[in-house]
Protein backbone atom coordinates (compact mmCIF):
# COMPACT_ATOMS: atom_id res chain seq x y z
CA MET A 1 10.64 -21.75 -19.85
CA TYR A 2 7.64 -19.83 -21.11
CA ILE A 3 4.62 -18.83 -19.07
CA SER A 4 1.34 -17.34 -20.14
CA GLU A 5 0.30 -13.80 -19.38
CA ARG A 6 -2.44 -15.13 -17.11
CA HIS A 7 0.02 -17.25 -15.13
CA LEU A 8 2.44 -14.34 -14.80
CA ASN A 9 -0.45 -12.18 -13.60
CA THR A 10 -1.36 -14.83 -11.00
CA LEU A 11 2.25 -15.15 -9.80
CA PHE A 12 2.56 -11.38 -9.47
CA THR A 13 -0.73 -11.08 -7.59
CA ASP A 14 0.15 -13.95 -5.26
CA GLY A 15 3.57 -12.43 -4.57
CA THR A 16 2.52 -8.82 -4.01
CA GLY A 17 -1.14 -8.98 -3.05
CA LEU A 18 -1.90 -6.57 -5.91
CA SER A 19 -2.63 -7.02 -9.57
CA PRO A 20 0.02 -5.63 -11.94
CA LYS A 21 -2.41 -2.87 -12.97
CA GLN A 22 -3.11 -1.87 -9.36
CA PHE A 23 0.63 -1.92 -8.61
CA ALA A 24 1.30 0.39 -11.57
CA ARG A 25 -1.50 2.76 -10.52
CA ILE A 26 -0.04 3.08 -7.03
CA GLY A 27 3.41 3.66 -8.55
CA ARG A 28 2.10 6.56 -10.65
CA VAL A 29 0.46 8.17 -7.60
CA ARG A 30 3.73 7.79 -5.69
CA THR A 31 5.50 9.58 -8.55
CA VAL A 32 3.03 12.47 -8.22
CA LEU A 33 3.63 12.60 -4.45
CA ALA A 34 7.40 12.70 -4.98
CA ALA A 35 7.26 15.39 -7.67
CA ASP A 36 8.64 18.84 -7.00
CA ALA A 37 6.23 21.72 -7.26
CA GLY A 38 5.39 22.56 -10.84
CA ARG A 39 2.62 22.59 -13.35
CA TRP A 40 0.13 19.80 -12.79
CA SER A 41 0.06 18.99 -16.50
CA GLU A 42 3.84 18.46 -16.50
CA ILE A 43 3.69 16.31 -13.37
CA ALA A 44 0.92 14.23 -14.96
CA ALA A 45 2.98 13.68 -18.11
CA THR A 46 6.09 12.77 -16.10
CA ALA A 47 4.12 10.26 -14.02
CA GLY A 48 2.77 8.58 -17.17
CA TYR A 49 -0.81 9.82 -17.21
CA TYR A 50 -2.65 10.60 -20.44
CA ASP A 51 -3.60 14.03 -19.10
CA GLN A 52 -4.07 16.01 -15.92
CA SER A 53 -7.70 14.98 -15.43
CA HIS A 54 -6.75 11.29 -15.38
CA MET A 55 -4.04 12.03 -12.82
CA THR A 56 -6.45 13.98 -10.63
CA ALA A 57 -9.08 11.22 -10.77
CA GLU A 58 -6.61 8.49 -9.86
CA PHE A 59 -5.02 10.61 -7.13
CA ARG A 60 -8.46 11.27 -5.64
CA HIS A 61 -9.26 7.56 -5.79
CA PHE A 62 -6.20 6.58 -3.75
CA MET A 63 -5.69 9.63 -1.53
CA GLY A 64 -9.29 10.68 -0.90
CA VAL A 65 -8.79 14.29 -2.06
CA PRO A 66 -7.66 15.97 -5.29
CA SER A 67 -3.92 16.51 -5.72
CA ALA A 68 -4.11 20.31 -5.38
CA VAL A 69 -6.06 20.04 -2.13
CA PHE A 70 -3.60 17.45 -0.80
CA THR A 71 -0.55 19.60 -1.54
CA ALA A 72 -2.29 22.61 0.05
CA GLY A 73 -2.22 20.64 3.30
CA GLN A 74 -5.88 19.68 3.47
CA ARG A 75 -5.36 15.97 3.93
CA PRO A 76 -8.15 13.52 4.82
CA ALA A 77 -8.21 11.79 8.19
CA ALA A 78 -6.23 8.54 8.31
CA THR A 79 -8.28 5.37 7.97
CA ALA A 80 -7.39 1.71 8.02
CA CYS A 81 -6.71 0.05 4.68
CA THR A 82 -9.29 -2.43 3.49
CA ALA A 83 -8.61 -5.25 1.13
């Protein structure tokens, strides 16, 4: 059985509550969070980012602070998730 890309996208979104792109973005940020200390450029490459600036922008989008600030322990206050 074959399904279209659009239908697969709809099935994925219905099943997870996230689009495949959003799911992948969260996965990359989780990879950064799980990374051992090292050079940010190497962590970005390992996580699948084009470069460090893209990693930092996406990390800031999801976590509320840049990656270096987060790992230094300056974490933002917890807030409820909004859909």
